[in-house]
Amino acid sequence: QVQLVESGGGLVQAGGSLRPPCVASGTLFSIYAMRWYRQAPGKQQRDLVATITTGGITNYADSVKGRFTVTRDNGKSTVYLQMNSLKPEDTAVYYCNAESQRTHRQYWGQGTQVTVSS
């Protein structure tokens, strides 16, 4: 069983930065592709924000390219989302997702709230 725990969200002014971590436990972290999703207020779906593969290849949604950076530290079983130049439209609950590259089973964290004030 894989557990994912996000933290590091909060209230920040537009233009500010946050770097929430997602810590994994109960698994061999290096075999999982890691993704960050977000769910904006009033929306039912979660949108993919950033991906980092087991080999460290990254991909980003167009809306965050150039502002967000995803990194992973396999020794600490942690993935980070560095968020710079935050905008009010980045306000959402941010969720961490892990997908096993062996079984393709996916796991989710409980989410961390990010609120950007104008």
PDB file of N, CA and C in Angstrom:
ATOM      1  N   GLN A   1       0.841  -1.180   0.000  1.00  0.00           N
ATOM      2  CA  GLN A   1       0.000   0.000   0.000  1.00  0.00           C
ATOM      3  C   GLN A   1       0.889   1.247   0.000  1.00  0.00           C
ATOM      4  N   VAL A   2       0.529   2.199  -0.861  1.00  0.00           N
ATOM      5  CA  VAL A   2       1.297   3.436  -0.989  1.00  0.00           C
ATOM      6  C   VAL A   2       0.534   4.553  -0.302  1.00  0.00           C
ATOM      7  N   GLN A   3       1.227   5.327   0.481  1.00  0.00           N
ATOM      8  CA  GLN A   3       0.652   6.516   1.090  1.00  0.00           C
ATOM      9  C   GLN A   3       1.368   7.742   0.551  1.00  0.00           C
ATOM     10  N   LEU A   4       0.581   8.748   0.175  1.00  0.00           N
ATOM     11  CA  LEU A   4       1.112  10.015  -0.306  1.00  0.00           C
ATOM     12  C   LEU A   4       0.585  11.126   0.596  1.00  0.00           C
ATOM     13  N   VAL A   5       1.488  11.981   1.062  1.00  0.00           N
ATOM     14  CA  VAL A   5       1.089  13.075   1.942  1.00  0.00           C
ATOM     15  C   VAL A   5       1.653  14.381   1.398  1.00  0.00           C
ATOM     16  N   GLU A   6       0.720  15.271   1.012  1.00  0.00           N
ATOM     17  CA  GLU A   6       1.118  16.604   0.566  1.00  0.00           C
ATOM     18  C   GLU A   6       1.084  17.565   1.740  1.00  0.00           C
ATOM     19  N   SER A   7       1.882  18.600   1.643  1.00  0.00           N
ATOM     20  CA  SER A   7       1.875  19.684   2.625  1.00  0.00           C
ATOM     21  C   SER A   7       2.394  20.925   1.931  1.00  0.00           C
ATOM     22  N   GLY A   8       2.496  22.031   2.686  1.00  0.00           N
ATOM     23  CA  GLY A   8       3.153  23.206   2.132  1.00  0.00           C
ATOM     24  C   GLY A   8       2.270  24.143   1.351  1.00  0.00           C
ATOM     25  N   GLY A   9       0.950  23.871   1.348  1.00  0.00           N
ATOM     26  CA  GLY A   9       0.051  24.823   0.729  1.00  0.00           C
ATOM     27  C   GLY A   9      -0.155  26.031   1.633  1.00  0.00           C
ATOM     28  N   GLY A  10      -1.022  26.936   1.192  1.00  0.00           N
ATOM     29  CA  GLY A  10      -1.295  28.098   2.028  1.00  0.00           C
ATOM     30  C   GLY A  10      -1.824  29.255   1.223  1.00  0.00           C
ATOM     31  N   LEU A  11      -1.848  30.416   1.878  1.00  0.00           N
ATOM     32  CA  LEU A  11      -2.329  31.651   1.265  1.00  0.00           C
ATOM     33  C   LEU A  11      -1.120  32.502   0.881  1.00  0.00           C
ATOM     34  N   VAL A  12      -1.100  32.936  -0.362  1.00  0.00           N
ATOM     35  CA  VAL A  12       0.021  33.736  -0.853  1.00  0.00           C
ATOM     36  C   VAL A  12      -0.520  34.826  -1.769  1.00  0.00           C
ATOM     37  N   GLN A  13       0.170  35.932  -1.822  1.00  0.00           N
ATOM     38  CA  GLN A  13      -0.241  37.016  -2.713  1.00  0.00           C
ATOM     39  C   GLN A  13       0.186  36.706  -4.144  1.00  0.00           C
ATOM     40  N   ALA A  14      -0.516  37.286  -5.086  1.00  0.00           N
ATOM     41  CA  ALA A  14      -0.152  37.135  -6.494  1.00  0.00           C
ATOM     42  C   ALA A  14       1.298  37.567  -6.691  1.00  0.00           C
ATOM     43  N   GLY A  15       2.019  36.756  -7.481  1.00  0.00           N
ATOM     44  CA  GLY A  15       3.430  36.999  -7.693  1.00  0.00           C
ATOM     45  C   GLY A  15       4.329  36.247  -6.741  1.00  0.00           C
ATOM     46  N   GLY A  16       3.747  35.660  -5.713  1.00  0.00           N
ATOM     47  CA  GLY A  16       4.515  34.924  -4.723  1.00  0.00           C
ATOM     48  C   GLY A  16       4.850  33.514  -5.159  1.00  0.00           C
ATOM     49  N   SER A  17       5.477  32.776  -4.224  1.00  0.00           N
ATOM     50  CA  SER A  17       5.933  31.415  -4.516  1.00  0.00           C
ATOM     51  C   SER A  17       5.559  30.462  -3.386  1.00  0.00           C
ATOM     52  N   LEU A  18       5.400  29.200  -3.755  1.00  0.00           N
ATOM     53  CA  LEU A  18       5.233  28.105  -2.806  1.00  0.00           C
ATOM     54  C   LEU A  18       5.955  26.894  -3.358  1.00  0.00           C
ATOM     55  N   ARG A  19       6.324  25.982  -2.457  1.00  0.00           N
ATOM     56  CA  ARG A  19       6.996  24.746  -2.888  1.00  0.00           C
ATOM     57  C   ARG A  19       6.476  23.564  -2.071  1.00  0.00           C
ATOM     58  N   PRO A  20       5.249  23.117  -2.358  1.00  0.00           N
ATOM     59  CA  PRO A  20       4.722  22.002  -1.587  1.00  0.00           C
ATOM     60  C   PRO A  20       5.430  20.689  -1.909  1.00  0.00           C
ATOM     61  N   PRO A  21       5.743  19.914  -0.881  1.00  0.00           N
ATOM     62  CA  PRO A  21       6.283  18.577  -1.102  1.00  0.00           C
ATOM     63  C   PRO A  21       5.173  17.524  -1.036  1.00  0.00           C
ATOM     64  N   CYS A  22       5.452  16.385  -1.627  1.00  0.00           N
ATOM     65  CA  CYS A  22       4.599  15.201  -1.505  1.00  0.00           C
ATOM     66  C   CYS A  22       5.519  14.048  -1.119  1.00  0.00           C
ATOM     67  N   VAL A  23       5.280  13.499   0.057  1.00  0.00           N
ATOM     68  CA  VAL A  23       6.135  12.429   0.575  1.00  0.00           C
ATOM     69  C   VAL A  23       5.423  11.093   0.416  1.00  0.00           C
ATOM     70  N   ALA A  24       6.118  10.131  -0.160  1.00  0.00           N
ATOM     71  CA  ALA A  24       5.566   8.788  -0.357  1.00  0.00           C
ATOM     72  C   ALA A  24       6.137   7.826   0.664  1.00  0.00           C
ATOM     73  N   SER A  25       5.330   6.870   1.070  1.00  0.00           N
ATOM     74  CA  SER A  25       5.804   5.831   1.973  1.00  0.00           C
ATOM     75  C   SER A  25       5.166   4.501   1.591  1.00  0.00           C
ATOM     76  N   GLY A  26       5.777   3.428   2.045  1.00  0.00           N
ATOM     77  CA  GLY A  26       5.226   2.105   1.810  1.00  0.00           C
ATOM     78  C   GLY A  26       5.531   1.538   0.444  1.00  0.00           C
ATOM     79  N   THR A  27       6.535   2.106  -0.249  1.00  0.00           N
ATOM     80  CA  THR A  27       6.808   1.634  -1.592  1.00  0.00           C
ATOM     81  C   THR A  27       8.226   1.972  -2.017  1.00  0.00           C
ATOM     82  N   LEU A  28       8.629   1.381  -3.159  1.00  0.00           N
ATOM     83  CA  LEU A  28       9.892   1.747  -3.791  1.00  0.00           C
ATOM     84  C   LEU A  28       9.614   2.956  -4.671  1.00  0.00           C
ATOM     85  N   PHE A  29       9.922   4.125  -4.171  1.00  0.00           N
ATOM     86  CA  PHE A  29       9.522   5.384  -4.801  1.00  0.00           C
ATOM     87  C   PHE A  29      10.044   5.509  -6.228  1.00  0.00           C
ATOM     88  N   SER A  30      11.229   4.992  -6.497  1.00  0.00           N
ATOM     89  CA  SER A  30      11.877   5.236  -7.783  1.00  0.00           C
ATOM     90  C   SER A  30      11.148   4.600  -8.966  1.00  0.00           C
ATOM     91  N   ILE A  31      10.241   3.662  -8.715  1.00  0.00           N
ATOM     92  CA  ILE A  31       9.555   3.009  -9.832  1.00  0.00           C
ATOM     93  C   ILE A  31       8.247   3.704 -10.190  1.00  0.00           C
ATOM     94  N   TYR A  32       7.957   4.823  -9.518  1.00  0.00           N
ATOM     95  CA  TYR A  32       6.704   5.511  -9.754  1.00  0.00           C
ATOM     96  C   TYR A  32       6.911   6.801 -10.541  1.00  0.00           C
ATOM     97  N   ALA A  33       6.110   6.966 -11.595  1.00  0.00           N
ATOM     98  CA  ALA A  33       5.971   8.283 -12.217  1.00  0.00           C
ATOM     99  C   ALA A  33       5.108   9.128 -11.289  1.00  0.00           C
ATOM    100  N   MET A  34       5.481  10.369 -11.132  1.00  0.00           N
ATOM    101  CA  MET A  34       4.775  11.234 -10.194  1.00  0.00           C
ATOM    102  C   MET A  34       4.127  12.388 -10.937  1.00  0.00           C
ATOM    103  N   ARG A  35       2.924  12.737 -10.524  1.00  0.00           N
ATOM    104  CA  ARG A  35       2.194  13.818 -11.157  1.00  0.00           C
ATOM    105  C   ARG A  35       1.557  14.723 -10.099  1.00  0.00           C
ATOM    106  N   TRP A  36       1.405  15.970 -10.461  1.00  0.00           N
ATOM    107  CA  TRP A  36       0.624  16.927  -9.665  1.00  0.00           C
ATOM    108  C   TRP A  36      -0.617  17.303 -10.475  1.00  0.00           C
ATOM    109  N   TYR A  37      -1.754  17.220  -9.825  1.00  0.00           N
ATOM    110  CA  TYR A  37      -3.020  17.665 -10.393  1.00  0.00           C
ATOM    111  C   TYR A  37      -3.545  18.797  -9.512  1.00  0.00           C
ATOM    112  N   ARG A  38      -4.521  19.531 -10.049  1.00  0.00           N
ATOM    113  CA  ARG A  38      -5.207  20.524  -9.225  1.00  0.00           C
ATOM    114  C   ARG A  38      -6.686  20.549  -9.569  1.00  0.00           C
ATOM    115  N   GLN A  39      -7.462  20.896  -8.548  1.00  0.00           N
ATOM    116  CA  GLN A  39      -8.911  21.011  -8.702  1.00  0.00           C
ATOM    117  C   GLN A  39      -9.309  22.393  -8.224  1.00  0.00           C
ATOM    118  N   ALA A  40      -9.763  23.206  -9.168  1.00  0.00           N
ATOM    119  CA  ALA A  40     -10.124  24.590  -8.860  1.00  0.00           C
ATOM    120  C   ALA A  40     -11.489  24.645  -8.176  1.00  0.00           C
ATOM    121  N   PRO A  41     -11.759  25.716  -7.445  1.00  0.00           N
ATOM    122  CA  PRO A  41     -13.056  25.850  -6.775  1.00  0.00           C
ATOM    123  C   PRO A  41     -14.203  25.760  -7.772  1.00  0.00           C
ATOM    124  N   GLY A  42     -15.219  24.983  -7.434  1.00  0.00           N
ATOM    125  CA  GLY A  42     -16.393  24.860  -8.279  1.00  0.00           C
ATOM    126  C   GLY A  42     -16.241  23.912  -9.454  1.00  0.00           C
ATOM    127  N   LYS A  43     -15.072  23.346  -9.645  1.00  0.00           N
ATOM    128  CA  LYS A  43     -14.858  22.399 -10.738  1.00  0.00           C
ATOM    129  C   LYS A  43     -14.839  20.978 -10.191  1.00  0.00           C
ATOM    130  N   GLN A  44     -15.387  20.070 -10.942  1.00  0.00           N
ATOM    131  CA  GLN A  44     -15.427  18.672 -10.507  1.00  0.00           C
ATOM    132  C   GLN A  44     -14.183  17.913 -10.928  1.00  0.00           C
ATOM    133  N   GLN A  45     -13.566  18.328 -12.029  1.00  0.00           N
ATOM    134  CA  GLN A  45     -12.440  17.554 -12.526  1.00  0.00           C
ATOM    135  C   GLN A  45     -11.122  18.074 -11.970  1.00  0.00           C
ATOM    136  N   ARG A  46     -10.169  17.153 -11.946  1.00  0.00           N
ATOM    137  CA  ARG A  46      -8.807  17.516 -11.573  1.00  0.00           C
ATOM    138  C   ARG A  46      -7.995  17.655 -12.859  1.00  0.00           C
ATOM    139  N   ASP A  47      -7.264  18.738 -12.971  1.00  0.00           N
ATOM    140  CA  ASP A  47      -6.467  19.000 -14.161  1.00  0.00           C
ATOM    141  C   ASP A  47      -5.006  18.652 -13.898  1.00  0.00           C
ATOM    142  N   LEU A  48      -4.385  18.012 -14.888  1.00  0.00           N
ATOM    143  CA  LEU A  48      -2.978  17.674 -14.769  1.00  0.00           C
ATOM    144  C   LEU A  48      -2.122  18.937 -14.866  1.00  0.00           C
ATOM    145  N   VAL A  49      -1.226  19.115 -13.919  1.00  0.00           N
ATOM    146  CA  VAL A  49      -0.375  20.294 -13.868  1.00  0.00           C
ATOM    147  C   VAL A  49       1.051  19.960 -14.312  1.00  0.00           C
ATOM    148  N   ALA A  50       1.612  18.886 -13.751  1.00  0.00           N
ATOM    149  CA  ALA A  50       3.011  18.569 -14.028  1.00  0.00           C
ATOM    150  C   ALA A  50       3.251  17.082 -13.831  1.00  0.00           C
ATOM    151  N   THR A  51       4.197  16.558 -14.611  1.00  0.00           N
ATOM    152  CA  THR A  51       4.586  15.153 -14.546  1.00  0.00           C
ATOM    153  C   THR A  51       6.098  15.045 -14.483  1.00  0.00           C
ATOM    154  N   ILE A  52       6.580  14.083 -13.691  1.00  0.00           N
ATOM    155  CA  ILE A  52       8.006  13.732 -13.729  1.00  0.00           C
ATOM    156  C   ILE A  52       8.101  12.210 -13.760  1.00  0.00           C
ATOM    157  N   THR A  53       8.803  11.709 -14.766  1.00  0.00           N
ATOM    158  CA  THR A  53       8.899  10.260 -14.944  1.00  0.00           C
ATOM    159  C   THR A  53       9.959   9.669 -14.029  1.00  0.00           C
ATOM    160  N   THR A  54      10.073   8.345 -14.055  1.00  0.00           N
ATOM    161  CA  THR A  54      11.103   7.688 -13.256  1.00  0.00           C
ATOM    162  C   THR A  54      12.494   8.110 -13.711  1.00  0.00           C
ATOM    163  N   GLY A  55      12.619   8.492 -14.966  1.00  0.00           N
ATOM    164  CA  GLY A  55      13.900   8.947 -15.496  1.00  0.00           C
ATOM    165  C   GLY A  55      14.135  10.435 -15.364  1.00  0.00           C
ATOM    166  N   GLY A  56      13.189  11.130 -14.749  1.00  0.00           N
ATOM    167  CA  GLY A  56      13.372  12.563 -14.519  1.00  0.00           C
ATOM    168  C   GLY A  56      12.887  13.468 -15.643  1.00  0.00           C
ATOM    169  N   ILE A  57      12.194  12.897 -16.622  1.00  0.00           N
ATOM    170  CA  ILE A  57      11.648  13.720 -17.709  1.00  0.00           C
ATOM    171  C   ILE A  57      10.400  14.427 -17.207  1.00  0.00           C
ATOM    172  N   THR A  58      10.299  15.721 -17.493  1.00  0.00           N
ATOM    173  CA  THR A  58       9.181  16.521 -16.982  1.00  0.00           C
ATOM    174  C   THR A  58       8.286  17.015 -18.113  1.00  0.00           C
ATOM    175  N   ASN A  59       7.044  17.273 -17.752  1.00  0.00           N
ATOM    176  CA  ASN A  59       6.086  17.831 -18.694  1.00  0.00           C
ATOM    177  C   ASN A  59       5.121  18.702 -17.901  1.00  0.00           C
ATOM    178  N   TYR A  60       4.619  19.769 -18.548  1.00  0.00           N
ATOM    179  CA  TYR A  60       3.793  20.744 -17.838  1.00  0.00           C
ATOM    180  C   TYR A  60       2.578  21.142 -18.663  1.00  0.00           C
ATOM    181  N   ALA A  61       1.524  21.509 -17.955  1.00  0.00           N
ATOM    182  CA  ALA A  61       0.372  22.121 -18.606  1.00  0.00           C
ATOM    183  C   ALA A  61       0.796  23.483 -19.142  1.00  0.00           C
ATOM    184  N   ASP A  62       0.191  23.886 -20.243  1.00  0.00           N
ATOM    185  CA  ASP A  62       0.553  25.173 -20.859  1.00  0.00           C
ATOM    186  C   ASP A  62       0.368  26.329 -19.882  1.00  0.00           C
ATOM    187  N   SER A  63      -0.624  26.223 -19.032  1.00  0.00           N
ATOM    188  CA  SER A  63      -0.947  27.328 -18.123  1.00  0.00           C
ATOM    189  C   SER A  63       0.126  27.576 -17.061  1.00  0.00           C
ATOM    190  N   VAL A  64       1.019  26.605 -16.846  1.00  0.00           N
ATOM    191  CA  VAL A  64       2.037  26.775 -15.798  1.00  0.00           C
ATOM    192  C   VAL A  64       3.454  26.727 -16.334  1.00  0.00           C
ATOM    193  N   LYS A  65       3.606  26.501 -17.624  1.00  0.00           N
ATOM    194  CA  LYS A  65       4.961  26.433 -18.201  1.00  0.00           C
ATOM    195  C   LYS A  65       5.726  27.728 -17.946  1.00  0.00           C
ATOM    196  N   GLY A  66       6.967  27.564 -17.524  1.00  0.00           N
ATOM    197  CA  GLY A  66       7.798  28.729 -17.240  1.00  0.00           C
ATOM    198  C   GLY A  66       7.633  29.260 -15.837  1.00  0.00           C
ATOM    199  N   ARG A  67       6.607  28.805 -15.120  1.00  0.00           N
ATOM    200  CA  ARG A  67       6.370  29.278 -13.751  1.00  0.00           C
ATOM    201  C   ARG A  67       6.514  28.152 -12.718  1.00  0.00           C
ATOM    202  N   PHE A  68       6.144  26.949 -13.085  1.00  0.00           N
ATOM    203  CA  PHE A  68       6.185  25.804 -12.171  1.00  0.00           C
ATOM    204  C   PHE A  68       7.308  24.857 -12.580  1.00  0.00           C
ATOM    205  N   THR A  69       7.921  24.230 -11.581  1.00  0.00           N
ATOM    206  CA  THR A  69       8.959  23.236 -11.817  1.00  0.00           C
ATOM    207  C   THR A  69       8.741  22.049 -10.886  1.00  0.00           C
ATOM    208  N   VAL A  70       8.695  20.856 -11.476  1.00  0.00           N
ATOM    209  CA  VAL A  70       8.537  19.636 -10.679  1.00  0.00           C
ATOM    210  C   VAL A  70       9.884  18.932 -10.595  1.00  0.00           C
ATOM    211  N   THR A  71      10.236  18.503  -9.380  1.00  0.00           N
ATOM    212  CA  THR A  71      11.477  17.764  -9.152  1.00  0.00           C
ATOM    213  C   THR A  71      11.192  16.593  -8.217  1.00  0.00           C
ATOM    214  N   ARG A  72      12.115  15.635  -8.211  1.00  0.00           N
ATOM    215  CA  ARG A  72      11.938  14.497  -7.304  1.00  0.00           C
ATOM    216  C   ARG A  72      13.275  14.176  -6.642  1.00  0.00           C
ATOM    217  N   ASP A  73      13.179  13.704  -5.409  1.00  0.00           N
ATOM    218  CA  ASP A  73      14.347  13.249  -4.653  1.00  0.00           C
ATOM    219  C   ASP A  73      14.061  11.809  -4.247  1.00  0.00           C
ATOM    220  N   ASN A  74      14.601  10.868  -4.998  1.00  0.00           N
ATOM    221  CA  ASN A  74      14.295   9.466  -4.733  1.00  0.00           C
ATOM    222  C   ASN A  74      14.820   9.013  -3.366  1.00  0.00           C
ATOM    223  N   GLY A  75      15.910   9.609  -2.919  1.00  0.00           N
ATOM    224  CA  GLY A  75      16.452   9.247  -1.607  1.00  0.00           C
ATOM    225  C   GLY A  75      15.519   9.610  -0.473  1.00  0.00           C
ATOM    226  N   LYS A  76      14.712  10.659  -0.677  1.00  0.00           N
ATOM    227  CA  LYS A  76      13.757  11.100   0.335  1.00  0.00           C
ATOM    228  C   LYS A  76      12.329  10.691  -0.003  1.00  0.00           C
ATOM    229  N   SER A  77      12.151   9.967  -1.110  1.00  0.00           N
ATOM    230  CA  SER A  77      10.802   9.544  -1.545  1.00  0.00           C
ATOM    231  C   SER A  77       9.853  10.739  -1.623  1.00  0.00           C
ATOM    232  N   THR A  78      10.338  11.820  -2.188  1.00  0.00           N
ATOM    233  CA  THR A  78       9.589  13.075  -2.199  1.00  0.00           C
ATOM    234  C   THR A  78       9.601  13.698  -3.587  1.00  0.00           C
ATOM    235  N   VAL A  79       8.467  14.263  -3.960  1.00  0.00           N
ATOM    236  CA  VAL A  79       8.363  15.061  -5.171  1.00  0.00           C
ATOM    237  C   VAL A  79       7.938  16.457  -4.752  1.00  0.00           C
ATOM    238  N   TYR A  80       8.497  17.457  -5.409  1.00  0.00           N
ATOM    239  CA  TYR A  80       8.227  18.852  -5.088  1.00  0.00           C
ATOM    240  C   TYR A  80       7.595  19.551  -6.293  1.00  0.00           C
ATOM    241  N   LEU A  81       6.787  20.566  -6.012  1.00  0.00           N
ATOM    242  CA  LEU A  81       6.256  21.422  -7.067  1.00  0.00           C
ATOM    243  C   LEU A  81       6.620  22.859  -6.705  1.00  0.00           C
ATOM    244  N   GLN A  82       7.653  23.376  -7.347  1.00  0.00           N
ATOM    245  CA  GLN A  82       8.043  24.769  -7.149  1.00  0.00           C
ATOM    246  C   GLN A  82       7.122  25.638  -7.986  1.00  0.00           C
ATOM    247  N   MET A  83       6.372  26.513  -7.310  1.00  0.00           N
ATOM    248  CA  MET A  83       5.400  27.367  -7.983  1.00  0.00           C
ATOM    249  C   MET A  83       5.816  28.819  -7.795  1.00  0.00           C
ATOM    250  N   ASN A  84       6.177  29.456  -8.901  1.00  0.00           N
ATOM    251  CA  ASN A  84       6.594  30.865  -8.885  1.00  0.00           C
ATOM    252  C   ASN A  84       5.589  31.717  -9.647  1.00  0.00           C
ATOM    253  N   SER A  85       5.662  33.009  -9.430  1.00  0.00           N
ATOM    254  CA  SER A  85       4.787  33.965 -10.134  1.00  0.00           C
ATOM    255  C   SER A  85       3.330  33.520 -10.068  1.00  0.00           C
ATOM    256  N   LEU A  86       2.900  33.177  -8.888  1.00  0.00           N
ATOM    257  CA  LEU A  86       1.544  32.648  -8.728  1.00  0.00           C
ATOM    258  C   LEU A  86       0.491  33.677  -9.087  1.00  0.00           C
ATOM    259  N   LYS A  87      -0.605  33.177  -9.660  1.00  0.00           N
ATOM    260  CA  LYS A  87      -1.720  34.003 -10.093  1.00  0.00           C
ATOM    261  C   LYS A  87      -2.982  33.566  -9.345  1.00  0.00           C
ATOM    262  N   PRO A  88      -3.969  34.453  -9.236  1.00  0.00           N
ATOM    263  CA  PRO A  88      -5.217  34.042  -8.580  1.00  0.00           C
ATOM    264  C   PRO A  88      -5.840  32.805  -9.219  1.00  0.00           C
ATOM    265  N   GLU A  89      -5.682  32.635 -10.519  1.00  0.00           N
ATOM    266  CA  GLU A  89      -6.249  31.464 -11.193  1.00  0.00           C
ATOM    267  C   GLU A  89      -5.525  30.167 -10.868  1.00  0.00           C
ATOM    268  N   ASP A  90      -4.416  30.248 -10.146  1.00  0.00           N
ATOM    269  CA  ASP A  90      -3.749  29.036  -9.671  1.00  0.00           C
ATOM    270  C   ASP A  90      -4.387  28.509  -8.378  1.00  0.00           C
ATOM    271  N   THR A  91      -5.327  29.252  -7.829  1.00  0.00           N
ATOM    272  CA  THR A  91      -6.015  28.813  -6.615  1.00  0.00           C
ATOM    273  C   THR A  91      -6.715  27.489  -6.849  1.00  0.00           C
ATOM    274  N   ALA A  92      -6.397  26.500  -6.019  1.00  0.00           N
ATOM    275  CA  ALA A  92      -6.943  25.156  -6.188  1.00  0.00           C
ATOM    276  C   ALA A  92      -6.452  24.270  -5.049  1.00  0.00           C
ATOM    277  N   VAL A  93      -7.037  23.086  -4.980  1.00  0.00           N
ATOM    278  CA  VAL A  93      -6.455  22.029  -4.149  1.00  0.00           C
ATOM    279  C   VAL A  93      -5.497  21.245  -5.046  1.00  0.00           C
ATOM    280  N   TYR A  94      -4.272  21.091  -4.600  1.00  0.00           N
ATOM    281  CA  TYR A  94      -3.240  20.414  -5.379  1.00  0.00           C
ATOM    282  C   TYR A  94      -3.062  18.996  -4.842  1.00  0.00           C
ATOM    283  N   TYR A  95      -3.141  18.032  -5.764  1.00  0.00           N
ATOM    284  CA  TYR A  95      -3.059  16.624  -5.411  1.00  0.00           C
ATOM    285  C   TYR A  95      -1.827  15.976  -6.035  1.00  0.00           C
ATOM    286  N   CYS A  96      -1.216  15.121  -5.273  1.00  0.00           N
ATOM    287  CA  CYS A  96      -0.085  14.322  -5.727  1.00  0.00           C
ATOM    288  C   CYS A  96      -0.609  12.954  -6.193  1.00  0.00           C
ATOM    289  N   ASN A  97      -0.055  12.461  -7.289  1.00  0.00           N
ATOM    290  CA  ASN A  97      -0.462  11.170  -7.856  1.00  0.00           C
ATOM    291  C   ASN A  97       0.780  10.351  -8.174  1.00  0.00           C
ATOM    292  N   ALA A  98       0.725   9.070  -7.843  1.00  0.00           N
ATOM    293  CA  ALA A  98       1.829   8.155  -8.157  1.00  0.00           C
ATOM    294  C   ALA A  98       1.314   7.017  -9.015  1.00  0.00           C
ATOM    295  N   GLU A  99       2.033   6.695 -10.080  1.00  0.00           N
ATOM    296  CA  GLU A  99       1.665   5.568 -10.943  1.00  0.00           C
ATOM    297  C   GLU A  99       2.838   4.615 -11.045  1.00  0.00           C
ATOM    298  N   SER A 100       2.608   3.363 -10.658  1.00  0.00           N
ATOM    299  CA  SER A 100       3.652   2.346 -10.761  1.00  0.00           C
ATOM    300  C   SER A 100       3.946   2.062 -12.228  1.00  0.00           C
ATOM    301  N   GLN A 101       5.213   2.059 -12.580  1.00  0.00           N
ATOM    302  CA  GLN A 101       5.602   1.754 -13.948  1.00  0.00           C
ATOM    303  C   GLN A 101       5.612   0.238 -14.178  1.00  0.00           C
ATOM    304  N   ARG A 102       5.366  -0.540 -13.162  1.00  0.00           N
ATOM    305  CA  ARG A 102       5.281  -2.001 -13.306  1.00  0.00           C
ATOM    306  C   ARG A 102       3.832  -2.457 -13.455  1.00  0.00           C
ATOM    307  N   THR A 103       2.951  -1.920 -12.587  1.00  0.00           N
ATOM    308  CA  THR A 103       1.557  -2.367 -12.578  1.00  0.00           C
ATOM    309  C   THR A 103       0.591  -1.331 -13.133  1.00  0.00           C
ATOM    310  N   HIS A 104       1.041  -0.063 -13.238  1.00  0.00           N
ATOM    311  CA  HIS A 104       0.221   1.076 -13.663  1.00  0.00           C
ATOM    312  C   HIS A 104      -0.898   1.387 -12.680  1.00  0.00           C
ATOM    313  N   ARG A 105      -0.820   0.845 -11.485  1.00  0.00           N
ATOM    314  CA  ARG A 105      -1.775   1.215 -10.443  1.00  0.00           C
ATOM    315  C   ARG A 105      -1.436   2.625  -9.976  1.00  0.00           C
ATOM    316  N   GLN A 106      -2.497   3.384  -9.669  1.00  0.00           N
ATOM    317  CA  GLN A 106      -2.311   4.774  -9.269  1.00  0.00           C
ATOM    318  C   GLN A 106      -2.770   4.999  -7.836  1.00  0.00           C
ATOM    319  N   TYR A 107      -2.123   5.957  -7.202  1.00  0.00           N
ATOM    320  CA  TYR A 107      -2.441   6.330  -5.818  1.00  0.00           C
ATOM    321  C   TYR A 107      -2.528   7.853  -5.739  1.00  0.00           C
ATOM    322  N   TRP A 108      -3.336   8.325  -4.781  1.00  0.00           N
ATOM    323  CA  TRP A 108      -3.554   9.765  -4.621  1.00  0.00           C
ATOM    324  C   TRP A 108      -3.276  10.186  -3.184  1.00  0.00           C
ATOM    325  N   GLY A 109      -2.802  11.418  -3.048  1.00  0.00           N
ATOM    326  CA  GLY A 109      -2.720  12.023  -1.734  1.00  0.00           C
ATOM    327  C   GLY A 109      -4.033  12.705  -1.388  1.00  0.00           C
ATOM    328  N   GLN A 110      -4.061  13.329  -0.220  1.00  0.00           N
ATOM    329  CA  GLN A 110      -5.300  13.946   0.259  1.00  0.00           C
ATOM    330  C   GLN A 110      -5.463  15.382  -0.228  1.00  0.00           C
ATOM    331  N   GLY A 111      -4.399  15.958  -0.777  1.00  0.00           N
ATOM    332  CA  GLY A 111      -4.462  17.306  -1.325  1.00  0.00           C
ATOM    333  C   GLY A 111      -3.986  18.366  -0.357  1.00  0.00           C
ATOM    334  N   THR A 112      -3.533  19.484  -0.919  1.00  0.00           N
ATOM    335  CA  THR A 112      -3.144  20.638  -0.119  1.00  0.00           C
ATOM    336  C   THR A 112      -3.697  21.893  -0.793  1.00  0.00           C
ATOM    337  N   GLN A 113      -4.299  22.760  -0.008  1.00  0.00           N
ATOM    338  CA  GLN A 113      -4.973  23.944  -0.545  1.00  0.00           C
ATOM    339  C   GLN A 113      -3.960  25.054  -0.815  1.00  0.00           C
ATOM    340  N   VAL A 114      -4.041  25.595  -2.021  1.00  0.00           N
ATOM    341  CA  VAL A 114      -3.247  26.769  -2.393  1.00  0.00           C
ATOM    342  C   VAL A 114      -4.218  27.885  -2.770  1.00  0.00           C
ATOM    343  N   THR A 115      -4.100  29.015  -2.106  1.00  0.00           N
ATOM    344  CA  THR A 115      -4.960  30.157  -2.378  1.00  0.00           C
ATOM    345  C   THR A 115      -4.078  31.355  -2.708  1.00  0.00           C
ATOM    346  N   VAL A 116      -4.334  31.948  -3.872  1.00  0.00           N
ATOM    347  CA  VAL A 116      -3.555  33.100  -4.323  1.00  0.00           C
ATOM    348  C   VAL A 116      -4.466  34.323  -4.343  1.00  0.00           C
ATOM    349  N   SER A 117      -4.127  35.326  -3.567  1.00  0.00           N
ATOM    350  CA  SER A 117      -4.940  36.536  -3.499  1.00  0.00           C
ATOM    351  C   SER A 117      -4.407  37.587  -4.469  1.00  0.00           C
ATOM    352  N   SER A 118      -5.331  38.375  -4.971  1.00  0.00           N
ATOM    353  CA  SER A 118      -4.935  39.403  -5.944  1.00  0.00           C
ATOM    354  C   SER A 118      -4.563  40.704  -5.261  1.00  0.00           C
TER     355      SER A 118
END
